[in-house]
Amino acid sequence: MSVVAATDSEPSKDALGMLNLWQACGLSKVIEHAEGLEPILMYLGNSPRQKLTDGFFLNRRLSYFKLLQAGLSQSARQNLTKGDAQSCMWLYRYFAPETRLQLIRSSMRSLEEEVAYKPSIYCPDHSTFKTHNAKWDKHCTLLALEGFPTELSYSSVRAIHWLTSYETLSVQFPNLPILNKMRRSLLKLGNQGHIDFLRVGGRPIQNLKPKTAGARKYMSLRGLDRIALMRHHAYCTYGSL
């Protein structure tokens, strides 16, 4: 996919939609607080478009793209919620290199009305909280009584946080096809987390036969429902996340 601004001063409609989505994930805040990227960002914000493209693509000895990704990733982890950091950097990796530069450049130069960043947090104010609370609260009580699960995998924890950010973006941008691709990546991460969890201790997955009601419910779920149950369980255990 390639979203290209029509000119330096007049972005296309598609580019504006992608930029608004990225800003909703916290792009502007990430750029503002990115440490060590000042020379690259200055070059990005002030070079003519063709020179900018040539400078990044013709670089051979030192990859500006690698430095930019590392710096923005660190800033995202430090300044955004865990889920929003996942969404922000997923978009960075998803966009074609030229699109990536143009959108960052547009955000820096304030060519469009900036979308305010509101951290996505799973709590009673979250858009889907009431629905999930009604759906999972009883099951989370069973899980707590059973002491299951004792520990989630790293990928499962990441998926739990990312789900909250994805849901927030889906409400704010309901018609953007790119969110369907984000959903598939989220599902893939959640499935990997489930497999990692089942393999704790090296036990064969096919031999795991839950004997308690809460564990059976967990094993019966698929996709986002499984992630959502574990997220609500984590909320009931630790509070807002």
C-alpha atoms as a PDB file:
ATOM      1  CA  MET A   1       0.000   0.000   0.000  1.00  0.00           C
ATOM      2  CA  SER A   2       1.187   3.505  -0.737  1.00  0.00           C
ATOM      3  CA  VAL A   3      -0.495   6.682   0.425  1.00  0.00           C
ATOM      4  CA  VAL A   4       1.124   9.738  -1.130  1.00  0.00           C
ATOM      5  CA  ALA A   5       0.463  13.394  -0.432  1.00  0.00           C
ATOM      6  CA  ALA A   6      -0.589  15.335  -3.509  1.00  0.00           C
ATOM      7  CA  THR A   7       1.955  18.087  -2.808  1.00  0.00           C
ATOM      8  CA  ASP A   8       4.084  19.192   0.130  1.00  0.00           C
ATOM      9  CA  SER A   9       1.376  21.642   1.179  1.00  0.00           C
ATOM     10  CA  GLU A  10      -1.780  19.814   0.097  1.00  0.00           C
ATOM     11  CA  PRO A  11      -2.046  16.160   1.196  1.00  0.00           C
ATOM     12  CA  SER A  12      -4.442  13.769  -0.497  1.00  0.00           C
ATOM     13  CA  LYS A  13      -7.646  12.661   1.210  1.00  0.00           C
ATOM     14  CA  ASP A  14      -6.259   9.152   1.780  1.00  0.00           C
ATOM     15  CA  ALA A  15      -3.032  10.522   3.242  1.00  0.00           C
ATOM     16  CA  LEU A  16      -4.993  12.773   5.586  1.00  0.00           C
ATOM     17  CA  GLY A  17      -7.034   9.806   6.834  1.00  0.00           C
ATOM     18  CA  MET A  18      -3.890   7.786   7.507  1.00  0.00           C
ATOM     19  CA  LEU A  19      -2.244  10.733   9.245  1.00  0.00           C
ATOM     20  CA  ASN A  20      -5.287  11.305  11.473  1.00  0.00           C
ATOM     21  CA  LEU A  21      -5.225   7.628  12.440  1.00  0.00           C
ATOM     22  CA  TRP A  22      -1.511   7.754  13.233  1.00  0.00           C
ATOM     23  CA  GLN A  23      -1.889  10.942  15.247  1.00  0.00           C
ATOM     24  CA  ALA A  24      -4.712   9.340  17.218  1.00  0.00           C
ATOM     25  CA  CYS A  25      -2.172   6.662  18.216  1.00  0.00           C
ATOM     26  CA  GLY A  26       0.158   9.357  19.546  1.00  0.00           C
ATOM     27  CA  LEU A  27       2.483  10.059  16.603  1.00  0.00           C
ATOM     28  CA  SER A  28       2.895  13.753  17.404  1.00  0.00           C
ATOM     29  CA  LYS A  29       3.741  13.013  21.031  1.00  0.00           C
ATOM     30  CA  VAL A  30       6.228  10.348  19.963  1.00  0.00           C
ATOM     31  CA  ILE A  31       7.969  12.775  17.598  1.00  0.00           C
ATOM     32  CA  GLU A  32       7.968  15.571  20.167  1.00  0.00           C
ATOM     33  CA  HIS A  33       9.719  13.456  22.804  1.00  0.00           C
ATOM     34  CA  ALA A  34      12.019  11.407  20.558  1.00  0.00           C
ATOM     35  CA  GLU A  35      15.555  11.807  21.913  1.00  0.00           C
ATOM     36  CA  GLY A  36      18.593  11.601  19.656  1.00  0.00           C
ATOM     37  CA  LEU A  37      16.626  12.018  16.429  1.00  0.00           C
ATOM     38  CA  GLU A  38      16.893  15.805  16.223  1.00  0.00           C
ATOM     39  CA  PRO A  39      19.247  15.899  13.173  1.00  0.00           C
ATOM     40  CA  ILE A  40      17.158  13.361  11.236  1.00  0.00           C
ATOM     41  CA  LEU A  41      13.874  15.073  12.114  1.00  0.00           C
ATOM     42  CA  MET A  42      15.276  18.472  11.155  1.00  0.00           C
ATOM     43  CA  TYR A  43      16.344  17.052   7.810  1.00  0.00           C
ATOM     44  CA  LEU A  44      12.962  15.380   7.423  1.00  0.00           C
ATOM     45  CA  GLY A  45      11.052  18.568   8.145  1.00  0.00           C
ATOM     46  CA  ASN A  46      13.050  21.008   6.042  1.00  0.00           C
ATOM     47  CA  SER A  47      14.416  19.198   2.973  1.00  0.00           C
ATOM     48  CA  PRO A  48      12.662  19.459  -0.394  1.00  0.00           C
ATOM     49  CA  ARG A  49      10.578  16.371  -1.098  1.00  0.00           C
ATOM     50  CA  GLN A  50      12.807  14.814  -3.765  1.00  0.00           C
ATOM     51  CA  LYS A  51      15.997  15.498  -1.821  1.00  0.00           C
ATOM     52  CA  LEU A  52      14.392  14.001   1.268  1.00  0.00           C
ATOM     53  CA  THR A  53      13.476  10.797  -0.577  1.00  0.00           C
ATOM     54  CA  ASP A  54      16.911  10.507  -2.174  1.00  0.00           C
ATOM     55  CA  GLY A  55      18.662  11.111   1.131  1.00  0.00           C
ATOM     56  CA  PHE A  56      16.867   8.257   2.860  1.00  0.00           C
ATOM     57  CA  PHE A  57      16.815   5.778  -0.002  1.00  0.00           C
ATOM     58  CA  LEU A  58      20.352   6.321  -1.291  1.00  0.00           C
ATOM     59  CA  ASN A  59      21.950   6.034   2.121  1.00  0.00           C
ATOM     60  CA  ARG A  60      24.057   2.853   2.240  1.00  0.00           C
ATOM     61  CA  ARG A  61      26.474   2.938   5.170  1.00  0.00           C
ATOM     62  CA  LEU A  62      24.068   4.147   7.850  1.00  0.00           C
ATOM     63  CA  SER A  63      20.385   3.371   7.541  1.00  0.00           C
ATOM     64  CA  TYR A  64      18.340   6.421   8.470  1.00  0.00           C
ATOM     65  CA  PHE A  65      15.266   4.197   8.500  1.00  0.00           C
ATOM     66  CA  LYS A  66      16.753   1.964  11.196  1.00  0.00           C
ATOM     67  CA  LEU A  67      17.732   4.932  13.346  1.00  0.00           C
ATOM     68  CA  LEU A  68      14.318   6.526  12.884  1.00  0.00           C
ATOM     69  CA  GLN A  69      12.460   3.333  13.781  1.00  0.00           C
ATOM     70  CA  ALA A  70      14.614   2.686  16.853  1.00  0.00           C
ATOM     71  CA  GLY A  71      14.221   6.257  18.133  1.00  0.00           C
ATOM     72  CA  LEU A  72      10.477   6.440  17.551  1.00  0.00           C
ATOM     73  CA  SER A  73       9.963   2.992  19.073  1.00  0.00           C
ATOM     74  CA  GLN A  74      11.784   4.015  22.235  1.00  0.00           C
ATOM     75  CA  SER A  75       9.789   7.240  22.465  1.00  0.00           C
ATOM     76  CA  ALA A  76       6.509   5.340  21.939  1.00  0.00           C
ATOM     77  CA  ARG A  77       7.300   2.940  24.780  1.00  0.00           C
ATOM     78  CA  GLN A  78       8.163   5.831  27.091  1.00  0.00           C
ATOM     79  CA  ASN A  79       5.332   8.242  26.253  1.00  0.00           C
ATOM     80  CA  LEU A  80       2.288   6.217  25.186  1.00  0.00           C
ATOM     81  CA  THR A  81       0.189   3.513  26.766  1.00  0.00           C
ATOM     82  CA  LYS A  82       1.419   0.007  25.926  1.00  0.00           C
ATOM     83  CA  GLY A  83      -1.427  -0.612  23.506  1.00  0.00           C
ATOM     84  CA  ASP A  84      -1.042   2.726  21.717  1.00  0.00           C
ATOM     85  CA  ALA A  85       2.701   2.159  21.396  1.00  0.00           C
ATOM     86  CA  GLN A  86       1.900  -1.136  19.656  1.00  0.00           C
ATOM     87  CA  SER A  87      -0.531   0.557  17.269  1.00  0.00           C
ATOM     88  CA  CYS A  88       1.795   3.472  16.554  1.00  0.00           C
ATOM     89  CA  MET A  89       4.765   1.288  15.647  1.00  0.00           C
ATOM     90  CA  TRP A  90       2.610  -1.215  13.764  1.00  0.00           C
ATOM     91  CA  LEU A  91       1.579   1.653  11.478  1.00  0.00           C
ATOM     92  CA  TYR A  92       5.210   2.684  11.072  1.00  0.00           C
ATOM     93  CA  ARG A  93       6.087  -0.805   9.854  1.00  0.00           C
ATOM     94  CA  TYR A  94       2.960  -1.106   7.719  1.00  0.00           C
ATOM     95  CA  PHE A  95       3.364   2.080   5.670  1.00  0.00           C
ATOM     96  CA  ALA A  96       5.554   2.040   2.595  1.00  0.00           C
ATOM     97  CA  PRO A  97       8.859   3.882   3.278  1.00  0.00           C
ATOM     98  CA  GLU A  98       7.983   6.968   1.211  1.00  0.00           C
ATOM     99  CA  THR A  99       4.507   7.157   2.758  1.00  0.00           C
ATOM    100  CA  ARG A 100       6.035   6.837   6.217  1.00  0.00           C
ATOM    101  CA  LEU A 101       8.328   9.812   5.615  1.00  0.00           C
ATOM    102  CA  GLN A 102       5.586  11.955   4.136  1.00  0.00           C
ATOM    103  CA  LEU A 103       3.194  11.375   7.016  1.00  0.00           C
ATOM    104  CA  ILE A 104       5.826  12.058   9.672  1.00  0.00           C
ATOM    105  CA  ARG A 105       6.843  15.163   7.731  1.00  0.00           C
ATOM    106  CA  SER A 106       3.224  16.346   7.505  1.00  0.00           C
ATOM    107  CA  SER A 107       2.739  15.834  11.232  1.00  0.00           C
ATOM    108  CA  MET A 108       5.873  17.845  12.009  1.00  0.00           C
ATOM    109  CA  ARG A 109       4.930  20.694   9.703  1.00  0.00           C
ATOM    110  CA  SER A 110       1.337  20.930  10.999  1.00  0.00           C
ATOM    111  CA  LEU A 111      -0.123  20.906   7.510  1.00  0.00           C
ATOM    112  CA  GLU A 112      -3.351  19.390   8.787  1.00  0.00           C
ATOM    113  CA  GLU A 113      -5.541  19.842  11.813  1.00  0.00           C
ATOM    114  CA  GLU A 114      -3.934  17.589  14.380  1.00  0.00           C
ATOM    115  CA  VAL A 115      -6.004  14.837  15.979  1.00  0.00           C
ATOM    116  CA  ALA A 116      -5.549  15.011  19.736  1.00  0.00           C
ATOM    117  CA  TYR A 117      -4.004  11.962  21.367  1.00  0.00           C
ATOM    118  CA  LYS A 118      -6.100  10.469  24.157  1.00  0.00           C
ATOM    119  CA  PRO A 119      -4.409   7.491  25.852  1.00  0.00           C
ATOM    120  CA  SER A 120      -6.366   4.260  25.477  1.00  0.00           C
ATOM    121  CA  ILE A 121      -6.951   2.708  28.902  1.00  0.00           C
ATOM    122  CA  TYR A 122      -9.186  -0.230  29.780  1.00  0.00           C
ATOM    123  CA  CYS A 123     -11.372   1.099  32.585  1.00  0.00           C
ATOM    124  CA  PRO A 124     -15.086   1.947  33.052  1.00  0.00           C
ATOM    125  CA  ASP A 125     -14.694   4.912  30.661  1.00  0.00           C
ATOM    126  CA  HIS A 126     -13.441   2.748  27.789  1.00  0.00           C
ATOM    127  CA  SER A 127     -15.885   2.392  24.889  1.00  0.00           C
ATOM    128  CA  THR A 128     -16.342  -1.386  25.227  1.00  0.00           C
ATOM    129  CA  PHE A 129     -15.974  -1.776  28.994  1.00  0.00           C
ATOM    130  CA  LYS A 130     -19.675  -2.159  29.844  1.00  0.00           C
ATOM    131  CA  THR A 131     -20.126  -4.819  27.184  1.00  0.00           C
ATOM    132  CA  HIS A 132     -17.097  -6.819  28.295  1.00  0.00           C
ATOM    133  CA  ASN A 133     -17.887  -6.418  31.971  1.00  0.00           C
ATOM    134  CA  ALA A 134     -21.359  -7.898  31.431  1.00  0.00           C
ATOM    135  CA  LYS A 135     -19.916 -10.679  29.279  1.00  0.00           C
ATOM    136  CA  TRP A 136     -16.883 -11.721  31.316  1.00  0.00           C
ATOM    137  CA  ASP A 137     -17.309 -10.648  34.938  1.00  0.00           C
ATOM    138  CA  LYS A 138     -18.821 -13.964  36.066  1.00  0.00           C
ATOM    139  CA  HIS A 139     -16.134 -15.967  34.295  1.00  0.00           C
ATOM    140  CA  CYS A 140     -13.379 -13.810  35.791  1.00  0.00           C
ATOM    141  CA  THR A 141     -14.734 -14.622  39.253  1.00  0.00           C
ATOM    142  CA  LEU A 142     -14.413 -18.330  38.441  1.00  0.00           C
ATOM    143  CA  LEU A 143     -10.879 -17.843  37.154  1.00  0.00           C
ATOM    144  CA  ALA A 144      -9.935 -16.011  40.346  1.00  0.00           C
ATOM    145  CA  LEU A 145     -11.375 -18.788  42.530  1.00  0.00           C
ATOM    146  CA  GLU A 146      -9.566 -21.429  40.488  1.00  0.00           C
ATOM    147  CA  GLY A 147      -6.262 -19.546  40.419  1.00  0.00           C
ATOM    148  CA  PHE A 148      -6.167 -19.825  36.643  1.00  0.00           C
ATOM    149  CA  PRO A 149      -4.133 -18.739  34.810  1.00  0.00           C
ATOM    150  CA  THR A 150      -1.103 -18.375  37.063  1.00  0.00           C
ATOM    151  CA  GLU A 151       0.939 -16.547  34.421  1.00  0.00           C
ATOM    152  CA  LEU A 152       0.285 -15.321  30.887  1.00  0.00           C
ATOM    153  CA  SER A 153       2.846 -15.381  28.099  1.00  0.00           C
ATOM    154  CA  TYR A 154       4.565 -12.205  26.910  1.00  0.00           C
ATOM    155  CA  SER A 155       2.660 -12.235  23.625  1.00  0.00           C
ATOM    156  CA  SER A 156      -0.661 -12.589  25.461  1.00  0.00           C
ATOM    157  CA  VAL A 157       0.103  -9.568  27.632  1.00  0.00           C
ATOM    158  CA  ARG A 158       0.988  -7.523  24.551  1.00  0.00           C
ATOM    159  CA  ALA A 159      -2.245  -8.602  22.840  1.00  0.00           C
ATOM    160  CA  ILE A 160      -4.290  -7.623  25.906  1.00  0.00           C
ATOM    161  CA  HIS A 161      -2.966  -4.063  25.806  1.00  0.00           C
ATOM    162  CA  TRP A 162      -3.162  -3.797  22.019  1.00  0.00           C
ATOM    163  CA  LEU A 163      -6.836  -4.821  22.023  1.00  0.00           C
ATOM    164  CA  THR A 164      -7.743  -1.695  24.000  1.00  0.00           C
ATOM    165  CA  SER A 165      -5.961   0.581  21.534  1.00  0.00           C
ATOM    166  CA  TYR A 166      -7.459  -1.224  18.543  1.00  0.00           C
ATOM    167  CA  GLU A 167     -10.992  -0.883  19.946  1.00  0.00           C
ATOM    168  CA  THR A 168     -10.468   2.846  20.553  1.00  0.00           C
ATOM    169  CA  LEU A 169      -9.275   3.387  16.985  1.00  0.00           C
ATOM    170  CA  SER A 170     -12.139   1.298  15.568  1.00  0.00           C
ATOM    171  CA  VAL A 171     -14.675   3.563  17.261  1.00  0.00           C
ATOM    172  CA  GLN A 172     -12.883   6.715  16.118  1.00  0.00           C
ATOM    173  CA  PHE A 173     -12.224   5.536  12.536  1.00  0.00           C
ATOM    174  CA  PRO A 174     -14.918   2.927  11.769  1.00  0.00           C
ATOM    175  CA  ASN A 175     -14.474   2.929   7.988  1.00  0.00           C
ATOM    176  CA  LEU A 176     -10.707   2.673   7.564  1.00  0.00           C
ATOM    177  CA  PRO A 177      -9.771  -0.644   5.865  1.00  0.00           C
ATOM    178  CA  ILE A 178      -6.302  -0.537   7.401  1.00  0.00           C
ATOM    179  CA  LEU A 179      -7.844  -1.407  10.762  1.00  0.00           C
ATOM    180  CA  ASN A 180      -8.897  -4.783   9.338  1.00  0.00           C
ATOM    181  CA  LYS A 181      -5.215  -5.510   8.757  1.00  0.00           C
ATOM    182  CA  MET A 182      -4.385  -4.335  12.276  1.00  0.00           C
ATOM    183  CA  ARG A 183      -7.061  -6.681  13.610  1.00  0.00           C
ATOM    184  CA  ARG A 184      -5.469  -9.630  11.805  1.00  0.00           C
ATOM    185  CA  SER A 185      -2.071  -8.786  13.293  1.00  0.00           C
ATOM    186  CA  LEU A 186      -3.660  -8.524  16.741  1.00  0.00           C
ATOM    187  CA  LEU A 187      -5.312 -11.928  16.318  1.00  0.00           C
ATOM    188  CA  LYS A 188      -2.024 -13.462  15.202  1.00  0.00           C
ATOM    189  CA  LEU A 189      -0.280 -12.082  18.288  1.00  0.00           C
ATOM    190  CA  GLY A 190      -3.070 -13.335  20.561  1.00  0.00           C
ATOM    191  CA  ASN A 191      -2.961 -16.814  19.024  1.00  0.00           C
ATOM    192  CA  GLN A 192       0.797 -16.954  19.485  1.00  0.00           C
ATOM    193  CA  GLY A 193       0.363 -15.931  23.102  1.00  0.00           C
ATOM    194  CA  HIS A 194      -2.202 -18.698  23.616  1.00  0.00           C
ATOM    195  CA  ILE A 195       0.156 -21.317  22.157  1.00  0.00           C
ATOM    196  CA  ASP A 196       3.062 -20.038  24.264  1.00  0.00           C
ATOM    197  CA  PHE A 197       0.879 -20.207  27.366  1.00  0.00           C
ATOM    198  CA  LEU A 198      -0.153 -23.791  26.676  1.00  0.00           C
ATOM    199  CA  ARG A 199       3.455 -24.839  26.137  1.00  0.00           C
ATOM    200  CA  VAL A 200       4.619 -23.676  29.561  1.00  0.00           C
ATOM    201  CA  GLY A 201       6.597 -26.513  31.123  1.00  0.00           C
ATOM    202  CA  GLY A 202       6.968 -28.251  27.768  1.00  0.00           C
ATOM    203  CA  ARG A 203       3.641 -30.059  27.999  1.00  0.00           C
ATOM    204  CA  PRO A 204       2.051 -31.180  24.691  1.00  0.00           C
ATOM    205  CA  ILE A 205      -0.892 -28.947  23.782  1.00  0.00           C
ATOM    206  CA  GLN A 206      -3.134 -31.858  22.843  1.00  0.00           C
ATOM    207  CA  ASN A 207      -2.805 -33.321  26.366  1.00  0.00           C
ATOM    208  CA  LEU A 208      -4.153 -30.238  28.143  1.00  0.00           C
ATOM    209  CA  LYS A 209      -7.656 -31.094  29.362  1.00  0.00           C
ATOM    210  CA  PRO A 210      -9.066 -28.449  31.737  1.00  0.00           C
ATOM    211  CA  LYS A 211     -11.077 -29.791  34.644  1.00  0.00           C
ATOM    212  CA  THR A 212     -12.519 -26.559  36.064  1.00  0.00           C
ATOM    213  CA  ALA A 213     -15.308 -24.363  34.683  1.00  0.00           C
ATOM    214  CA  GLY A 214     -13.184 -21.237  34.247  1.00  0.00           C
ATOM    215  CA  ALA A 215     -10.378 -23.057  32.465  1.00  0.00           C
ATOM    216  CA  ARG A 216     -12.868 -24.849  30.207  1.00  0.00           C
ATOM    217  CA  LYS A 217     -14.403 -21.500  29.291  1.00  0.00           C
ATOM    218  CA  TYR A 218     -10.981 -20.115  28.396  1.00  0.00           C
ATOM    219  CA  MET A 219     -10.168 -23.132  26.232  1.00  0.00           C
ATOM    220  CA  SER A 220     -13.513 -22.861  24.413  1.00  0.00           C
ATOM    221  CA  LEU A 221     -12.883 -19.292  23.255  1.00  0.00           C
ATOM    222  CA  ARG A 222     -11.246 -18.099  20.044  1.00  0.00           C
ATOM    223  CA  GLY A 223      -9.891 -14.885  18.601  1.00  0.00           C
ATOM    224  CA  LEU A 224     -10.655 -11.548  20.219  1.00  0.00           C
ATOM    225  CA  ASP A 225     -13.015 -13.145  22.754  1.00  0.00           C
ATOM    226  CA  ARG A 226     -10.120 -15.042  24.323  1.00  0.00           C
ATOM    227  CA  ILE A 227      -7.993 -11.888  24.484  1.00  0.00           C
ATOM    228  CA  ALA A 228     -10.925  -9.904  25.886  1.00  0.00           C
ATOM    229  CA  LEU A 229     -11.551 -12.439  28.668  1.00  0.00           C
ATOM    230  CA  MET A 230      -7.901 -12.338  29.727  1.00  0.00           C
ATOM    231  CA  ARG A 231      -7.913  -8.553  29.604  1.00  0.00           C
ATOM    232  CA  HIS A 232     -10.970  -8.307  31.856  1.00  0.00           C
ATOM    233  CA  HIS A 233      -9.414 -10.871  34.187  1.00  0.00           C
ATOM    234  CA  ALA A 234      -6.267  -8.727  34.374  1.00  0.00           C
ATOM    235  CA  TYR A 235      -8.431  -5.649  35.029  1.00  0.00           C
ATOM    236  CA  CYS A 236     -10.283  -7.395  37.859  1.00  0.00           C
ATOM    237  CA  THR A 237      -6.923  -8.428  39.323  1.00  0.00           C
ATOM    238  CA  TYR A 238      -4.851  -5.266  38.859  1.00  0.00           C
ATOM    239  CA  GLY A 239      -7.259  -2.428  38.044  1.00  0.00           C
ATOM    240  CA  SER A 240      -7.040  -0.066  35.024  1.00  0.00           C
ATOM    241  CA  LEU A 241      -4.572  -1.146  32.348  1.00  0.00           C
END
